[in-house]
Amino acid sequence: VAVLQRGVRPLAAWTSLAVVLHVKAGKEEQAL
């Protein structure tokens, strides 16, 4: 979606999502 929208804001939003999911997965893995 970010690539199709061809803008900096969608790529920034995707980058934020990637960071949040990386941190969340790390916390979940620690608990497991």
PDB file of all heavy atoms in Angstrom:
ATOM      1  N   VAL A   1       0.843  -1.201   0.000  1.00  0.00           N
ATOM      2  CA  VAL A   1       0.000   0.000   0.000  1.00  0.00           C
ATOM      3  C   VAL A   1       0.877   1.250   0.000  1.00  0.00           C
ATOM      4  O   VAL A   1       0.623   2.204  -0.745  1.00  0.00           O
ATOM      5  CB  VAL A   1      -0.956   0.000   1.213  1.00  0.00           C
ATOM      6  CG1 VAL A   1      -1.639   1.344   1.388  1.00  0.00           C
ATOM      7  CG2 VAL A   1      -1.982  -1.110   1.064  1.00  0.00           C
ATOM      8  N   ALA A   2       1.931   1.258   0.825  1.00  0.00           N
ATOM      9  CA  ALA A   2       2.816   2.424   0.899  1.00  0.00           C
ATOM     10  C   ALA A   2       3.488   2.703  -0.445  1.00  0.00           C
ATOM     11  O   ALA A   2       3.578   3.853  -0.875  1.00  0.00           O
ATOM     12  CB  ALA A   2       3.861   2.215   1.986  1.00  0.00           C
ATOM     13  N   VAL A   3       3.920   1.645  -1.116  1.00  0.00           N
ATOM     14  CA  VAL A   3       4.580   1.825  -2.418  1.00  0.00           C
ATOM     15  C   VAL A   3       3.574   2.334  -3.452  1.00  0.00           C
ATOM     16  O   VAL A   3       3.888   3.230  -4.242  1.00  0.00           O
ATOM     17  CB  VAL A   3       5.240   0.503  -2.882  1.00  0.00           C
ATOM     18  CG1 VAL A   3       5.665   0.579  -4.332  1.00  0.00           C
ATOM     19  CG2 VAL A   3       6.439   0.181  -1.992  1.00  0.00           C
ATOM     20  N   LEU A   4       2.378   1.791  -3.442  1.00  0.00           N
ATOM     21  CA  LEU A   4       1.363   2.237  -4.405  1.00  0.00           C
ATOM     22  C   LEU A   4       0.958   3.688  -4.183  1.00  0.00           C
ATOM     23  O   LEU A   4       0.599   4.381  -5.132  1.00  0.00           O
ATOM     24  CB  LEU A   4       0.137   1.331  -4.333  1.00  0.00           C
ATOM     25  CG  LEU A   4       0.320  -0.072  -4.903  1.00  0.00           C
ATOM     26  CD1 LEU A   4      -0.928  -0.913  -4.638  1.00  0.00           C
ATOM     27  CD2 LEU A   4       0.614  -0.017  -6.389  1.00  0.00           C
ATOM     28  N   GLN A   5       1.025   4.163  -2.954  1.00  0.00           N
ATOM     29  CA  GLN A   5       0.655   5.551  -2.670  1.00  0.00           C
ATOM     30  C   GLN A   5       1.767   6.530  -3.014  1.00  0.00           C
ATOM     31  O   GLN A   5       1.531   7.738  -3.071  1.00  0.00           O
ATOM     32  CB  GLN A   5       0.232   5.701  -1.214  1.00  0.00           C
ATOM     33  CG  GLN A   5      -1.090   5.040  -0.941  1.00  0.00           C
ATOM     34  CD  GLN A   5      -1.588   5.303   0.462  1.00  0.00           C
ATOM     35  OE1 GLN A   5      -0.918   5.909   1.288  1.00  0.00           O
ATOM     36  NE2 GLN A   5      -2.789   4.831   0.742  1.00  0.00           N
ATOM     37  N   ARG A   6       2.962   6.022  -3.229  1.00  0.00           N
ATOM     38  CA  ARG A   6       4.092   6.832  -3.708  1.00  0.00           C
ATOM     39  C   ARG A   6       4.300   8.127  -2.934  1.00  0.00           C
ATOM     40  O   ARG A   6       4.330   9.211  -3.495  1.00  0.00           O
ATOM     41  CB  ARG A   6       3.929   7.163  -5.186  1.00  0.00           C
ATOM     42  CG  ARG A   6       3.943   5.970  -6.056  1.00  0.00           C
ATOM     43  CD  ARG A   6       3.808   6.371  -7.492  1.00  0.00           C
ATOM     44  NE  ARG A   6       3.799   5.186  -8.331  1.00  0.00           N
ATOM     45  CZ  ARG A   6       3.607   5.212  -9.613  1.00  0.00           C
ATOM     46  NH1 ARG A   6       3.421   6.357 -10.224  1.00  0.00           N
ATOM     47  NH2 ARG A   6       3.619   4.105 -10.307  1.00  0.00           N
ATOM     48  N   GLY A   7       4.455   7.984  -1.635  1.00  0.00           N
ATOM     49  CA  GLY A   7       4.697   9.180  -0.834  1.00  0.00           C
ATOM     50  C   GLY A   7       5.590   8.872   0.350  1.00  0.00           C
ATOM     51  O   GLY A   7       5.794   7.712   0.724  1.00  0.00           O
ATOM     52  N   VAL A   8       6.096   9.919   0.938  1.00  0.00           N
ATOM     53  CA  VAL A   8       6.967   9.768   2.099  1.00  0.00           C
ATOM     54  C   VAL A   8       6.144   9.377   3.333  1.00  0.00           C
ATOM     55  O   VAL A   8       6.569   8.534   4.128  1.00  0.00           O
ATOM     56  CB  VAL A   8       7.751  11.077   2.360  1.00  0.00           C
ATOM     57  CG1 VAL A   8       8.533  11.007   3.651  1.00  0.00           C
ATOM     58  CG2 VAL A   8       8.676  11.363   1.195  1.00  0.00           C
ATOM     59  N   ARG A   9       4.977   9.965   3.486  1.00  0.00           N
ATOM     60  CA  ARG A   9       4.154   9.682   4.668  1.00  0.00           C
ATOM     61  C   ARG A   9       3.756   8.209   4.764  1.00  0.00           C
ATOM     62  O   ARG A   9       3.850   7.630   5.849  1.00  0.00           O
ATOM     63  CB  ARG A   9       2.933  10.587   4.688  1.00  0.00           C
ATOM     64  CG  ARG A   9       3.322  12.040   4.912  1.00  0.00           C
ATOM     65  CD  ARG A   9       2.133  12.940   4.805  1.00  0.00           C
ATOM     66  NE  ARG A   9       1.609  13.143   6.142  1.00  0.00           N
ATOM     67  CZ  ARG A   9       0.529  13.831   6.404  1.00  0.00           C
ATOM     68  NH1 ARG A   9      -0.172  14.358   5.410  1.00  0.00           N
ATOM     69  NH2 ARG A   9       0.121  13.996   7.636  1.00  0.00           N
ATOM     70  N   PRO A  10       3.289   7.578   3.688  1.00  0.00           N
ATOM     71  CA  PRO A  10       2.962   6.148   3.798  1.00  0.00           C
ATOM     72  C   PRO A  10       4.185   5.294   4.142  1.00  0.00           C
ATOM     73  O   PRO A  10       4.077   4.342   4.912  1.00  0.00           O
ATOM     74  CB  PRO A  10       2.414   5.794   2.419  1.00  0.00           C
ATOM     75  CG  PRO A  10       1.977   7.077   1.825  1.00  0.00           C
ATOM     76  CD  PRO A  10       2.874   8.121   2.395  1.00  0.00           C
ATOM     77  N   LEU A  11       5.343   5.635   3.598  1.00  0.00           N
ATOM     78  CA  LEU A  11       6.558   4.879   3.927  1.00  0.00           C
ATOM     79  C   LEU A  11       6.977   5.112   5.377  1.00  0.00           C
ATOM     80  O   LEU A  11       7.440   4.191   6.048  1.00  0.00           O
ATOM     81  CB  LEU A  11       7.687   5.226   2.967  1.00  0.00           C
ATOM     82  CG  LEU A  11       7.512   4.690   1.550  1.00  0.00           C
ATOM     83  CD1 LEU A  11       8.626   5.206   0.642  1.00  0.00           C
ATOM     84  CD2 LEU A  11       7.480   3.171   1.530  1.00  0.00           C
ATOM     85  N   ALA A  12       6.782   6.322   5.866  1.00  0.00           N
ATOM     86  CA  ALA A  12       7.080   6.612   7.269  1.00  0.00           C
ATOM     87  C   ALA A  12       6.123   5.842   8.181  1.00  0.00           C
ATOM     88  O   ALA A  12       6.539   5.293   9.216  1.00  0.00           O
ATOM     89  CB  ALA A  12       6.987   8.108   7.534  1.00  0.00           C
ATOM     90  N   ALA A  13       4.859   5.783   7.793  1.00  0.00           N
ATOM     91  CA  ALA A  13       3.882   5.025   8.583  1.00  0.00           C
ATOM     92  C   ALA A  13       4.234   3.540   8.580  1.00  0.00           C
ATOM     93  O   ALA A  13       4.158   2.870   9.621  1.00  0.00           O
ATOM     94  CB  ALA A  13       2.477   5.238   8.023  1.00  0.00           C
ATOM     95  N   TRP A  14       4.649   3.026   7.436  1.00  0.00           N
ATOM     96  CA  TRP A  14       5.039   1.611   7.356  1.00  0.00           C
ATOM     97  C   TRP A  14       6.272   1.349   8.227  1.00  0.00           C
ATOM     98  O   TRP A  14       6.335   0.339   8.918  1.00  0.00           O
ATOM     99  CB  TRP A  14       5.317   1.201   5.910  1.00  0.00           C
ATOM    100  CG  TRP A  14       5.726  -0.227   5.812  1.00  0.00           C
ATOM    101  CD1 TRP A  14       4.894  -1.312   5.765  1.00  0.00           C
ATOM    102  CD2 TRP A  14       7.059  -0.745   5.789  1.00  0.00           C
ATOM    103  NE1 TRP A  14       5.631  -2.462   5.704  1.00  0.00           N
ATOM    104  CE2 TRP A  14       6.963  -2.140   5.714  1.00  0.00           C
ATOM    105  CE3 TRP A  14       8.318  -0.151   5.812  1.00  0.00           C
ATOM    106  CZ2 TRP A  14       8.079  -2.950   5.678  1.00  0.00           C
ATOM    107  CZ3 TRP A  14       9.434  -0.966   5.768  1.00  0.00           C
ATOM    108  CH2 TRP A  14       9.305  -2.358   5.711  1.00  0.00           C
ATOM    109  N   THR A  15       7.220   2.257   8.207  1.00  0.00           N
ATOM    110  CA  THR A  15       8.413   2.107   9.031  1.00  0.00           C
ATOM    111  C   THR A  15       8.038   2.083  10.508  1.00  0.00           C
ATOM    112  O   THR A  15       8.557   1.273  11.283  1.00  0.00           O
ATOM    113  CB  THR A  15       9.416   3.243   8.749  1.00  0.00           C
ATOM    114  OG1 THR A  15       9.754   3.209   7.361  1.00  0.00           O
ATOM    115  CG2 THR A  15      10.669   3.101   9.584  1.00  0.00           C
ATOM    116  N   SER A  16       7.118   2.948  10.902  1.00  0.00           N
ATOM    117  CA  SER A  16       6.642   2.959  12.290  1.00  0.00           C
ATOM    118  C   SER A  16       5.977   1.634  12.646  1.00  0.00           C
ATOM    119  O   SER A  16       6.200   1.085  13.732  1.00  0.00           O
ATOM    120  CB  SER A  16       5.652   4.102  12.510  1.00  0.00           C
ATOM    121  OG  SER A  16       6.281   5.332  12.294  1.00  0.00           O
ATOM    122  N   LEU A  17       5.164   1.123  11.743  1.00  0.00           N
ATOM    123  CA  LEU A  17       4.525  -0.172  11.966  1.00  0.00           C
ATOM    124  C   LEU A  17       5.569  -1.266  12.135  1.00  0.00           C
ATOM    125  O   LEU A  17       5.461  -2.105  13.035  1.00  0.00           O
ATOM    126  CB  LEU A  17       3.587  -0.516  10.800  1.00  0.00           C
ATOM    127  CG  LEU A  17       2.940  -1.904  10.854  1.00  0.00           C
ATOM    128  CD1 LEU A  17       2.012  -2.028  12.049  1.00  0.00           C
ATOM    129  CD2 LEU A  17       2.211  -2.200   9.551  1.00  0.00           C
ATOM    130  N   ALA A  18       6.589  -1.261  11.296  1.00  0.00           N
ATOM    131  CA  ALA A  18       7.646  -2.276  11.378  1.00  0.00           C
ATOM    132  C   ALA A  18       8.358  -2.216  12.728  1.00  0.00           C
ATOM    133  O   ALA A  18       8.629  -3.254  13.346  1.00  0.00           O
ATOM    134  CB  ALA A  18       8.647  -2.099  10.234  1.00  0.00           C
ATOM    135  N   VAL A  19       8.635  -1.009  13.208  1.00  0.00           N
ATOM    136  CA  VAL A  19       9.305  -0.860  14.507  1.00  0.00           C
ATOM    137  C   VAL A  19       8.411  -1.369  15.637  1.00  0.00           C
ATOM    138  O   VAL A  19       8.862  -2.110  16.515  1.00  0.00           O
ATOM    139  CB  VAL A  19       9.716   0.614  14.740  1.00  0.00           C
ATOM    140  CG1 VAL A  19      10.167   0.846  16.172  1.00  0.00           C
ATOM    141  CG2 VAL A  19      10.811   1.018  13.769  1.00  0.00           C
ATOM    142  N   VAL A  20       7.142  -0.979  15.619  1.00  0.00           N
ATOM    143  CA  VAL A  20       6.204  -1.409  16.662  1.00  0.00           C
ATOM    144  C   VAL A  20       6.086  -2.927  16.681  1.00  0.00           C
ATOM    145  O   VAL A  20       6.139  -3.554  17.754  1.00  0.00           O
ATOM    146  CB  VAL A  20       4.819  -0.746  16.466  1.00  0.00           C
ATOM    147  CG1 VAL A  20       3.762  -1.422  17.320  1.00  0.00           C
ATOM    148  CG2 VAL A  20       4.901   0.732  16.765  1.00  0.00           C
ATOM    149  N   LEU A  21       5.939  -3.546  15.520  1.00  0.00           N
ATOM    150  CA  LEU A  21       5.796  -4.999  15.467  1.00  0.00           C
ATOM    151  C   LEU A  21       7.081  -5.709  15.894  1.00  0.00           C
ATOM    152  O   LEU A  21       7.024  -6.761  16.532  1.00  0.00           O
ATOM    153  CB  LEU A  21       5.364  -5.447  14.071  1.00  0.00           C
ATOM    154  CG  LEU A  21       3.950  -5.030  13.665  1.00  0.00           C
ATOM    155  CD1 LEU A  21       3.645  -5.513  12.246  1.00  0.00           C
ATOM    156  CD2 LEU A  21       2.910  -5.544  14.639  1.00  0.00           C
ATOM    157  N   HIS A  22       8.239  -5.131  15.563  1.00  0.00           N
ATOM    158  CA  HIS A  22       9.515  -5.716  15.980  1.00  0.00           C
ATOM    159  C   HIS A  22       9.626  -5.711  17.509  1.00  0.00           C
ATOM    160  O   HIS A  22       9.978  -6.725  18.117  1.00  0.00           O
ATOM    161  CB  HIS A  22      10.672  -4.944  15.350  1.00  0.00           C
ATOM    162  CG  HIS A  22      12.012  -5.413  15.793  1.00  0.00           C
ATOM    163  ND1 HIS A  22      12.561  -6.603  15.367  1.00  0.00           N
ATOM    164  CD2 HIS A  22      12.909  -4.872  16.650  1.00  0.00           C
ATOM    165  CE1 HIS A  22      13.736  -6.762  15.941  1.00  0.00           C
ATOM    166  NE2 HIS A  22      13.968  -5.722  16.719  1.00  0.00           N
ATOM    167  N   VAL A  23       9.295  -4.588  18.123  1.00  0.00           N
ATOM    168  CA  VAL A  23       9.358  -4.482  19.587  1.00  0.00           C
ATOM    169  C   VAL A  23       8.334  -5.414  20.228  1.00  0.00           C
ATOM    170  O   VAL A  23       8.634  -6.132  21.189  1.00  0.00           O
ATOM    171  CB  VAL A  23       9.138  -3.020  20.032  1.00  0.00           C
ATOM    172  CG1 VAL A  23       8.969  -2.919  21.542  1.00  0.00           C
ATOM    173  CG2 VAL A  23      10.300  -2.147  19.572  1.00  0.00           C
ATOM    174  N   LYS A  24       7.124  -5.428  19.685  1.00  0.00           N
ATOM    175  CA  LYS A  24       6.054  -6.284  20.223  1.00  0.00           C
ATOM    176  C   LYS A  24       6.435  -7.757  20.126  1.00  0.00           C
ATOM    177  O   LYS A  24       6.264  -8.519  21.089  1.00  0.00           O
ATOM    178  CB  LYS A  24       4.759  -6.012  19.457  1.00  0.00           C
ATOM    179  CG  LYS A  24       3.540  -6.695  20.014  1.00  0.00           C
ATOM    180  CD  LYS A  24       2.311  -6.221  19.264  1.00  0.00           C
ATOM    181  CE  LYS A  24       1.006  -6.705  19.819  1.00  0.00           C
ATOM    182  NZ  LYS A  24       0.827  -8.098  19.955  1.00  0.00           N
ATOM    183  N   ALA A  25       6.966  -8.168  18.990  1.00  0.00           N
ATOM    184  CA  ALA A  25       7.370  -9.564  18.822  1.00  0.00           C
ATOM    185  C   ALA A  25       8.486  -9.928  19.801  1.00  0.00           C
ATOM    186  O   ALA A  25       8.489 -11.029  20.368  1.00  0.00           O
ATOM    187  CB  ALA A  25       7.821  -9.822  17.384  1.00  0.00           C
ATOM    188  N   GLY A  26       9.419  -9.007  20.025  1.00  0.00           N
ATOM    189  CA  GLY A  26      10.490  -9.266  20.985  1.00  0.00           C
ATOM    190  C   GLY A  26       9.967  -9.483  22.388  1.00  0.00           C
ATOM    191  O   GLY A  26      10.414 -10.396  23.101  1.00  0.00           O
ATOM    192  N   LYS A  27       9.008  -8.667  22.806  1.00  0.00           N
ATOM    193  CA  LYS A  27       8.414  -8.827  24.140  1.00  0.00           C
ATOM    194  C   LYS A  27       7.631 -10.132  24.244  1.00  0.00           C
ATOM    195  O   LYS A  27       7.698 -10.830  25.261  1.00  0.00           O
ATOM    196  CB  LYS A  27       7.515  -7.639  24.460  1.00  0.00           C
ATOM    197  CG  LYS A  27       8.302  -6.372  24.700  1.00  0.00           C
ATOM    198  CD  LYS A  27       7.410  -5.214  25.051  1.00  0.00           C
ATOM    199  CE  LYS A  27       8.263  -3.972  25.301  1.00  0.00           C
ATOM    200  NZ  LYS A  27       7.477  -2.876  25.830  1.00  0.00           N
ATOM    201  N   GLU A  28       6.884 -10.459  23.201  1.00  0.00           N
ATOM    202  CA  GLU A  28       6.139 -11.716  23.202  1.00  0.00           C
ATOM    203  C   GLU A  28       7.085 -12.914  23.266  1.00  0.00           C
ATOM    204  O   GLU A  28       6.831 -13.876  23.996  1.00  0.00           O
ATOM    205  CB  GLU A  28       5.265 -11.809  21.952  1.00  0.00           C
ATOM    206  CG  GLU A  28       4.120 -10.817  21.949  1.00  0.00           C
ATOM    207  CD  GLU A  28       3.416 -10.744  20.609  1.00  0.00           C
ATOM    208  OE1 GLU A  28       3.903 -11.321  19.614  1.00  0.00           O
ATOM    209  OE2 GLU A  28       2.358 -10.081  20.556  1.00  0.00           O
ATOM    210  N   GLU A  29       8.176 -12.841  22.508  1.00  0.00           N
ATOM    211  CA  GLU A  29       9.131 -13.950  22.503  1.00  0.00           C
ATOM    212  C   GLU A  29       9.801 -14.107  23.858  1.00  0.00           C
ATOM    213  O   GLU A  29      10.051 -15.228  24.301  1.00  0.00           O
ATOM    214  CB  GLU A  29      10.174 -13.749  21.407  1.00  0.00           C
ATOM    215  CG  GLU A  29       9.600 -13.968  20.035  1.00  0.00           C
ATOM    216  CD  GLU A  29      10.614 -13.749  18.926  1.00  0.00           C
ATOM    217  OE1 GLU A  29      11.766 -13.353  19.217  1.00  0.00           O
ATOM    218  OE2 GLU A  29      10.246 -13.981  17.773  1.00  0.00           O
ATOM    219  N   GLN A  30      10.074 -12.998  24.528  1.00  0.00           N
ATOM    220  CA  GLN A  30      10.669 -13.080  25.857  1.00  0.00           C
ATOM    221  C   GLN A  30       9.723 -13.782  26.827  1.00  0.00           C
ATOM    222  O   GLN A  30      10.135 -14.629  27.614  1.00  0.00           O
ATOM    223  CB  GLN A  30      11.025 -11.678  26.374  1.00  0.00           C
ATOM    224  CG  GLN A  30      11.747 -11.681  27.687  1.00  0.00           C
ATOM    225  CD  GLN A  30      13.073 -12.429  27.630  1.00  0.00           C
ATOM    226  OE1 GLN A  30      13.800 -12.339  26.656  1.00  0.00           O
ATOM    227  NE2 GLN A  30      13.370 -13.193  28.660  1.00  0.00           N
ATOM    228  N   ALA A  31       8.445 -13.441  26.758  1.00  0.00           N
ATOM    229  CA  ALA A  31       7.454 -14.083  27.624  1.00  0.00           C
ATOM    230  C   ALA A  31       7.348 -15.574  27.311  1.00  0.00           C
ATOM    231  O   ALA A  31       7.247 -16.403  28.230  1.00  0.00           O
ATOM    232  CB  ALA A  31       6.093 -13.404  27.463  1.00  0.00           C
ATOM    233  N   LEU A  32       7.384 -15.916  26.036  1.00  0.00           N
ATOM    234  CA  LEU A  32       7.321 -17.335  25.658  1.00  0.00           C
ATOM    235  C   LEU A  32       8.566 -18.086  26.119  1.00  0.00           C
ATOM    236  O   LEU A  32       8.483 -19.234  26.568  1.00  0.00           O
ATOM    237  CB  LEU A  32       7.157 -17.467  24.143  1.00  0.00           C
ATOM    238  CG  LEU A  32       5.782 -17.066  23.615  1.00  0.00           C
ATOM    239  CD1 LEU A  32       5.830 -16.906  22.099  1.00  0.00           C
ATOM    240  CD2 LEU A  32       4.748 -18.090  24.013  1.00  0.00           C
TER     241      LEU A  32
END
